[in-house]
């Protein structure tokens, strides 16, 4: 009886690295109860919430130059 998993693994090894990585992502995603679409929808909702808070002026913002300067100061 053929070992389907071993055969698939052998075929996968012949793929370019980028395609192997994509295959791994797809296989891992298939193990989770929550499909990736739900995760992406949750992130989209969070992004909308953050943008709305920004547009209402509820979020304190900082200039990029200041953020990068502080990052360089604490992690040279």
PDB file of N, CA and C in Angstrom:
ATOM      1  N   UNK A   1       0.844  -1.182   0.000  1.00  0.00           N
ATOM      2  CA  UNK A   1       0.000   0.000   0.000  1.00  0.00           C
ATOM      3  C   UNK A   1       0.889   1.245   0.000  1.00  0.00           C
ATOM      4  N   UNK A   2       0.642   2.189  -0.902  1.00  0.00           N
ATOM      5  CA  UNK A   2       1.498   3.370  -0.996  1.00  0.00           C
ATOM      6  C   UNK A   2       1.319   4.295   0.213  1.00  0.00           C
ATOM      7  N   UNK A   3       2.404   4.928   0.606  1.00  0.00           N
ATOM      8  CA  UNK A   3       2.382   5.898   1.700  1.00  0.00           C
ATOM      9  C   UNK A   3       2.114   7.270   1.083  1.00  0.00           C
ATOM     10  N   UNK A   4       0.866   7.684   1.104  1.00  0.00           N
ATOM     11  CA  UNK A   4       0.444   8.924   0.454  1.00  0.00           C
ATOM     12  C   UNK A   4       1.176  10.132   1.038  1.00  0.00           C
ATOM     13  N   UNK A   5       1.317  10.166   2.343  1.00  0.00           N
ATOM     14  CA  UNK A   5       1.967  11.309   2.988  1.00  0.00           C
ATOM     15  C   UNK A   5       3.430  11.399   2.552  1.00  0.00           C
ATOM     16  N   UNK A   6       4.131  10.267   2.531  1.00  0.00           N
ATOM     17  CA  UNK A   6       5.531  10.266   2.094  1.00  0.00           C
ATOM     18  C   UNK A   6       5.640  10.685   0.638  1.00  0.00           C
ATOM     19  N   UNK A   7       4.705  10.232  -0.190  1.00  0.00           N
ATOM     20  CA  UNK A   7       4.710  10.625  -1.600  1.00  0.00           C
ATOM     21  C   UNK A   7       4.496  12.131  -1.753  1.00  0.00           C
ATOM     22  N   UNK A   8       3.548  12.659  -1.000  1.00  0.00           N
ATOM     23  CA  UNK A   8       3.290  14.103  -1.058  1.00  0.00           C
ATOM     24  C   UNK A   8       4.490  14.899  -0.554  1.00  0.00           C
ATOM     25  N   UNK A   9       5.111  14.422   0.512  1.00  0.00           N
ATOM     26  CA  UNK A   9       6.287  15.102   1.050  1.00  0.00           C
ATOM     27  C   UNK A   9       7.412  15.125   0.017  1.00  0.00           C
ATOM     28  N   UNK A  10       7.598  14.022  -0.671  1.00  0.00           N
ATOM     29  CA  UNK A  10       8.638  13.956  -1.703  1.00  0.00           C
ATOM     30  C   UNK A  10       8.344  14.942  -2.821  1.00  0.00           C
ATOM     31  N   UNK A  11       7.095  15.007  -3.239  1.00  0.00           N
ATOM     32  CA  UNK A  11       6.720  15.960  -4.281  1.00  0.00           C
ATOM     33  C   UNK A  11       6.925  17.394  -3.804  1.00  0.00           C
ATOM     34  N   UNK A  12       6.572  17.660  -2.553  1.00  0.00           N
ATOM     35  CA  UNK A  12       6.707  19.010  -2.006  1.00  0.00           C
ATOM     36  C   UNK A  12       8.164  19.449  -1.961  1.00  0.00           C
ATOM     37  N   UNK A  13       9.075  18.518  -1.685  1.00  0.00           N
ATOM     38  CA  UNK A  13      10.494  18.860  -1.620  1.00  0.00           C
ATOM     39  C   UNK A  13      11.022  19.371  -2.961  1.00  0.00           C
ATOM     40  N   UNK A  14      10.365  19.003  -4.044  1.00  0.00           N
ATOM     41  CA  UNK A  14      10.830  19.442  -5.362  1.00  0.00           C
ATOM     42  C   UNK A  14      10.329  20.835  -5.722  1.00  0.00           C
ATOM     43  N   UNK A  15       9.442  21.400  -4.899  1.00  0.00           N
ATOM     44  CA  UNK A  15       8.924  22.739  -5.158  1.00  0.00           C
ATOM     45  C   UNK A  15       9.947  23.804  -4.766  1.00  0.00           C
ATOM     46  N   UNK A  16       9.878  24.963  -5.398  1.00  0.00           N
ATOM     47  CA  UNK A  16      10.723  26.083  -4.958  1.00  0.00           C
ATOM     48  C   UNK A  16      10.370  26.470  -3.516  1.00  0.00           C
ATOM     49  N   UNK A  17      11.295  27.082  -2.828  1.00  0.00           N
ATOM     50  CA  UNK A  17      11.122  27.426  -1.410  1.00  0.00           C
ATOM     51  C   UNK A  17       9.849  28.237  -1.166  1.00  0.00           C
ATOM     52  N   UNK A  18       9.570  29.190  -2.022  1.00  0.00           N
ATOM     53  CA  UNK A  18       8.387  30.035  -1.838  1.00  0.00           C
ATOM     54  C   UNK A  18       7.102  29.210  -1.904  1.00  0.00           C
ATOM     55  N   UNK A  19       7.040  28.264  -2.828  1.00  0.00           N
ATOM     56  CA  UNK A  19       5.865  27.412  -2.949  1.00  0.00           C
ATOM     57  C   UNK A  19       5.753  26.442  -1.774  1.00  0.00           C
ATOM     58  N   UNK A  20       6.893  25.940  -1.282  1.00  0.00           N
ATOM     59  CA  UNK A  20       6.858  25.068  -0.098  1.00  0.00           C
ATOM     60  C   UNK A  20       6.316  25.838   1.104  1.00  0.00           C
ATOM     61  N   UNK A  21       6.763  27.083   1.236  1.00  0.00           N
ATOM     62  CA  UNK A  21       6.291  27.920   2.330  1.00  0.00           C
ATOM     63  C   UNK A  21       4.790  28.149   2.225  1.00  0.00           C
ATOM     64  N   UNK A  22       4.320  28.411   1.041  1.00  0.00           N
ATOM     65  CA  UNK A  22       2.877  28.604   0.820  1.00  0.00           C
ATOM     66  C   UNK A  22       2.104  27.332   1.177  1.00  0.00           C
ATOM     67  N   UNK A  23       2.643  26.185   0.793  1.00  0.00           N
ATOM     68  CA  UNK A  23       2.007  24.903   1.105  1.00  0.00           C
ATOM     69  C   UNK A  23       1.930  24.691   2.610  1.00  0.00           C
ATOM     70  N   UNK A  24       3.009  25.005   3.299  1.00  0.00           N
ATOM     71  CA  UNK A  24       3.030  24.864   4.760  1.00  0.00           C
ATOM     72  C   UNK A  24       1.952  25.752   5.379  1.00  0.00           C
ATOM     73  N   UNK A  25       1.866  27.002   4.921  1.00  0.00           N
ATOM     74  CA  UNK A  25       0.847  27.914   5.446  1.00  0.00           C
ATOM     75  C   UNK A  25      -0.556  27.355   5.230  1.00  0.00           C
ATOM     76  N   UNK A  26      -0.805  26.832   4.048  1.00  0.00           N
ATOM     77  CA  UNK A  26      -2.125  26.276   3.748  1.00  0.00           C
ATOM     78  C   UNK A  26      -2.437  25.066   4.628  1.00  0.00           C
ATOM     79  N   UNK A  27      -1.449  24.221   4.843  1.00  0.00           N
ATOM     80  CA  UNK A  27      -1.660  23.039   5.684  1.00  0.00           C
ATOM     81  C   UNK A  27      -1.903  23.425   7.141  1.00  0.00           C
ATOM     82  N   UNK A  28      -1.117  24.370   7.631  1.00  0.00           N
ATOM     83  CA  UNK A  28      -1.311  24.817   9.018  1.00  0.00           C
ATOM     84  C   UNK A  28      -2.674  25.465   9.176  1.00  0.00           C
ATOM     85  N   UNK A  29      -3.052  26.283   8.213  1.00  0.00           N
ATOM     86  CA  UNK A  29      -4.360  26.929   8.259  1.00  0.00           C
ATOM     87  C   UNK A  29      -5.477  25.889   8.319  1.00  0.00           C
ATOM     88  N   UNK A  30      -5.300  24.780   7.615  1.00  0.00           N
ATOM     89  CA  UNK A  30      -6.335  23.750   7.589  1.00  0.00           C
ATOM     90  C   UNK A  30      -6.498  23.057   8.943  1.00  0.00           C
ATOM     91  N   UNK A  31      -5.525  23.195   9.839  1.00  0.00           N
ATOM     92  CA  UNK A  31      -5.604  22.565  11.157  1.00  0.00           C
ATOM     93  C   UNK A  31      -6.383  23.403  12.166  1.00  0.00           C
ATOM     94  N   UNK A  32      -6.523  24.675  11.912  1.00  0.00           N
ATOM     95  CA  UNK A  32      -7.174  25.577  12.856  1.00  0.00           C
ATOM     96  C   UNK A  32      -8.688  25.526  12.707  1.00  0.00           C
ATOM     97  N   UNK A  33      -9.364  25.714  13.833  1.00  0.00           N
ATOM     98  CA  UNK A  33     -10.824  25.750  13.813  1.00  0.00           C
ATOM     99  C   UNK A  33     -11.325  27.005  13.102  1.00  0.00           C
ATOM    100  N   UNK A  34     -10.633  28.111  13.327  1.00  0.00           N
ATOM    101  CA  UNK A  34     -11.043  29.384  12.752  1.00  0.00           C
ATOM    102  C   UNK A  34     -10.366  29.598  11.409  1.00  0.00           C
ATOM    103  N   UNK A  35     -11.129  29.636  10.332  1.00  0.00           N
ATOM    104  CA  UNK A  35     -10.519  29.865   9.022  1.00  0.00           C
ATOM    105  C   UNK A  35      -9.873  31.248   8.949  1.00  0.00           C
ATOM    106  N   UNK A  36      -8.903  31.380   8.077  1.00  0.00           N
ATOM    107  CA  UNK A  36      -8.172  32.626   7.946  1.00  0.00           C
ATOM    108  C   UNK A  36      -9.102  33.787   7.604  1.00  0.00           C
ATOM    109  N   UNK A  37     -10.175  33.530   6.902  1.00  0.00           N
ATOM    110  CA  UNK A  37     -11.113  34.597   6.547  1.00  0.00           C
ATOM    111  C   UNK A  37     -11.668  35.274   7.806  1.00  0.00           C
ATOM    112  N   UNK A  38     -11.920  34.487   8.855  1.00  0.00           N
ATOM    113  CA  UNK A  38     -12.424  35.059  10.098  1.00  0.00           C
ATOM    114  C   UNK A  38     -11.369  35.933  10.771  1.00  0.00           C
ATOM    115  N   UNK A  39     -10.140  35.494  10.722  1.00  0.00           N
ATOM    116  CA  UNK A  39      -9.051  36.271  11.304  1.00  0.00           C
ATOM    117  C   UNK A  39      -8.902  37.585  10.544  1.00  0.00           C
ATOM    118  N   UNK A  40      -8.918  37.507   9.228  1.00  0.00           N
ATOM    119  CA  UNK A  40      -8.795  38.713   8.420  1.00  0.00           C
ATOM    120  C   UNK A  40      -9.967  39.658   8.663  1.00  0.00           C
ATOM    121  N   UNK A  41     -11.168  39.120   8.832  1.00  0.00           N
ATOM    122  CA  UNK A  41     -12.337  39.949   9.117  1.00  0.00           C
ATOM    123  C   UNK A  41     -12.182  40.645  10.467  1.00  0.00           C
ATOM    124  N   UNK A  42     -11.654  39.939  11.454  1.00  0.00           N
ATOM    125  CA  UNK A  42     -11.434  40.535  12.780  1.00  0.00           C
ATOM    126  C   UNK A  42     -10.416  41.665  12.694  1.00  0.00           C
ATOM    127  N   UNK A  43      -9.335  41.453  11.922  1.00  0.00           N
ATOM    128  CA  UNK A  43      -8.335  42.515  11.749  1.00  0.00           C
ATOM    129  C   UNK A  43      -8.946  43.713  11.018  1.00  0.00           C
ATOM    130  N   UNK A  44      -9.763  43.463  10.008  1.00  0.00           N
ATOM    131  CA  UNK A  44     -10.402  44.555   9.270  1.00  0.00           C
ATOM    132  C   UNK A  44     -11.278  45.386  10.210  1.00  0.00           C
ATOM    133  N   UNK A  45     -12.018  44.706  11.090  1.00  0.00           N
ATOM    134  CA  UNK A  45     -12.864  45.406  12.059  1.00  0.00           C
ATOM    135  C   UNK A  45     -12.017  46.244  13.013  1.00  0.00           C
ATOM    136  N   UNK A  46     -10.896  45.686  13.471  1.00  0.00           N
ATOM    137  CA  UNK A  46     -10.006  46.416  14.376  1.00  0.00           C
ATOM    138  C   UNK A  46      -9.404  47.633  13.684  1.00  0.00           C
ATOM    139  N   UNK A  47      -9.023  47.470  12.419  1.00  0.00           N
ATOM    140  CA  UNK A  47      -8.464  48.600  11.660  1.00  0.00           C
ATOM    141  C   UNK A  47      -9.506  49.706  11.520  1.00  0.00           C
ATOM    142  N   UNK A  48     -10.736  49.329  11.188  1.00  0.00           N
ATOM    143  CA  UNK A  48     -11.805  50.319  11.068  1.00  0.00           C
ATOM    144  C   UNK A  48     -12.017  51.051  12.388  1.00  0.00           C
ATOM    145  N   UNK A  49     -11.969  50.298  13.496  1.00  0.00           N
ATOM    146  CA  UNK A  49     -12.152  50.906  14.816  1.00  0.00           C
ATOM    147  C   UNK A  49     -11.051  51.922  15.105  1.00  0.00           C
ATOM    148  N   UNK A  50      -9.820  51.553  14.795  1.00  0.00           N
ATOM    149  CA  UNK A  50      -8.682  52.444  15.045  1.00  0.00           C
ATOM    150  C   UNK A  50      -8.733  53.689  14.171  1.00  0.00           C
ATOM    151  N   UNK A  51      -9.065  53.508  12.908  1.00  0.00           N
ATOM    152  CA  UNK A  51      -9.153  54.653  11.995  1.00  0.00           C
ATOM    153  C   UNK A  51     -10.259  55.597  12.446  1.00  0.00           C
ATOM    154  N   UNK A  52     -11.397  55.055  12.844  1.00  0.00           N
ATOM    155  CA  UNK A  52     -12.501  55.889  13.307  1.00  0.00           C
ATOM    156  C   UNK A  52     -12.093  56.679  14.550  1.00  0.00           C
ATOM    157  N   UNK A  53     -11.395  56.044  15.481  1.00  0.00           N
ATOM    158  CA  UNK A  53     -10.923  56.736  16.689  1.00  0.00           C
ATOM    159  C   UNK A  53      -9.951  57.847  16.312  1.00  0.00           C
ATOM    160  N   UNK A  54      -9.091  57.570  15.346  1.00  0.00           N
ATOM    161  CA  UNK A  54      -8.137  58.587  14.871  1.00  0.00           C
ATOM    162  C   UNK A  54      -8.896  59.772  14.266  1.00  0.00           C
ATOM    163  N   UNK A  55      -9.875  59.471  13.414  1.00  0.00           N
ATOM    164  CA  UNK A  55     -10.625  60.532  12.747  1.00  0.00           C
ATOM    165  C   UNK A  55     -11.446  61.358  13.728  1.00  0.00           C
ATOM    166  N   UNK A  56     -11.867  60.767  14.847  1.00  0.00           N
ATOM    167  CA  UNK A  56     -12.599  61.507  15.878  1.00  0.00           C
ATOM    168  C   UNK A  56     -11.649  62.284  16.789  1.00  0.00           C
ATOM    169  N   UNK A  57     -10.361  62.131  16.586  1.00  0.00           N
ATOM    170  CA  UNK A  57      -9.375  62.840  17.399  1.00  0.00           C
ATOM    171  C   UNK A  57      -9.161  62.211  18.761  1.00  0.00           C
ATOM    172  N   UNK A  58      -9.502  60.955  18.924  1.00  0.00           N
ATOM    173  CA  UNK A  58      -9.381  60.274  20.208  1.00  0.00           C
ATOM    174  C   UNK A  58      -8.025  59.597  20.412  1.00  0.00           C
ATOM    175  N   UNK A  59      -7.169  59.664  19.405  1.00  0.00           N
ATOM    176  CA  UNK A  59      -5.898  58.957  19.470  1.00  0.00           C
ATOM    177  C   UNK A  59      -4.761  59.976  19.462  1.00  0.00           C
ATOM    178  N   UNK A  60      -3.841  59.812  20.401  1.00  0.00           N
ATOM    179  CA  UNK A  60      -2.674  60.679  20.411  1.00  0.00           C
ATOM    180  C   UNK A  60      -1.702  60.174  19.352  1.00  0.00           C
ATOM    181  N   UNK A  61      -1.241  61.078  18.494  1.00  0.00           N
ATOM    182  CA  UNK A  61      -0.315  60.693  17.432  1.00  0.00           C
ATOM    183  C   UNK A  61       1.061  61.294  17.687  1.00  0.00           C
ATOM    184  N   UNK A  62       2.052  60.710  17.033  1.00  0.00           N
ATOM    185  CA  UNK A  62       3.425  61.161  17.169  1.00  0.00           C
ATOM    186  C   UNK A  62       4.045  61.243  15.776  1.00  0.00           C
ATOM    187  N   UNK A  63       4.917  62.211  15.590  1.00  0.00           N
ATOM    188  CA  UNK A  63       5.622  62.341  14.315  1.00  0.00           C
ATOM    189  C   UNK A  63       6.560  61.146  14.140  1.00  0.00           C
ATOM    190  N   UNK A  64       6.651  60.660  12.934  1.00  0.00           N
ATOM    191  CA  UNK A  64       7.507  59.501  12.645  1.00  0.00           C
ATOM    192  C   UNK A  64       8.945  59.763  13.083  1.00  0.00           C
ATOM    193  N   UNK A  65       9.420  60.974  12.845  1.00  0.00           N
ATOM    194  CA  UNK A  65      10.799  61.305  13.229  1.00  0.00           C
ATOM    195  C   UNK A  65      11.015  61.115  14.726  1.00  0.00           C
ATOM    196  N   UNK A  66      10.020  61.517  15.520  1.00  0.00           N
ATOM    197  CA  UNK A  66      10.126  61.366  16.973  1.00  0.00           C
ATOM    198  C   UNK A  66      10.110  59.894  17.380  1.00  0.00           C
ATOM    199  N   UNK A  67       9.271  59.115  16.738  1.00  0.00           N
ATOM    200  CA  UNK A  67       9.190  57.682  17.046  1.00  0.00           C
ATOM    201  C   UNK A  67      10.511  57.002  16.731  1.00  0.00           C
ATOM    202  N   UNK A  68      11.073  57.295  15.548  1.00  0.00           N
ATOM    203  CA  UNK A  68      12.337  56.667  15.164  1.00  0.00           C
ATOM    204  C   UNK A  68      13.483  57.133  16.061  1.00  0.00           C
ATOM    205  N   UNK A  69      13.475  58.402  16.436  1.00  0.00           N
ATOM    206  CA  UNK A  69      14.517  58.915  17.331  1.00  0.00           C
ATOM    207  C   UNK A  69      14.453  58.201  18.682  1.00  0.00           C
ATOM    208  N   UNK A  70      13.246  58.019  19.202  1.00  0.00           N
ATOM    209  CA  UNK A  70      13.082  57.320  20.484  1.00  0.00           C
ATOM    210  C   UNK A  70      13.502  55.857  20.354  1.00  0.00           C
ATOM    211  N   UNK A  71      13.161  55.229  19.250  1.00  0.00           N
ATOM    212  CA  UNK A  71      13.572  53.822  19.028  1.00  0.00           C
ATOM    213  C   UNK A  71      15.085  53.714  18.995  1.00  0.00           C
ATOM    214  N   UNK A  72      15.744  54.648  18.317  1.00  0.00           N
ATOM    215  CA  UNK A  72      17.218  54.616  18.280  1.00  0.00           C
ATOM    216  C   UNK A  72      17.809  54.874  19.656  1.00  0.00           C
ATOM    217  N   UNK A  73      17.153  55.712  20.449  1.00  0.00           N
ATOM    218  CA  UNK A  73      17.655  56.022  21.785  1.00  0.00           C
ATOM    219  C   UNK A  73      17.594  54.799  22.692  1.00  0.00           C
ATOM    220  N   UNK A  74      16.478  54.044  22.639  1.00  0.00           N
ATOM    221  CA  UNK A  74      16.330  52.934  23.585  1.00  0.00           C
ATOM    222  C   UNK A  74      16.894  51.621  23.060  1.00  0.00           C
ATOM    223  N   UNK A  75      17.132  51.533  21.763  1.00  0.00           N
ATOM    224  CA  UNK A  75      17.695  50.296  21.191  1.00  0.00           C
ATOM    225  C   UNK A  75      18.717  50.656  20.138  1.00  0.00           C
ATOM    226  N   UNK A  76      19.883  51.102  20.589  1.00  0.00           N
ATOM    227  CA  UNK A  76      20.909  51.539  19.603  1.00  0.00           C
ATOM    228  C   UNK A  76      21.432  50.435  18.728  1.00  0.00           C
TER     229      UNK A  76
END
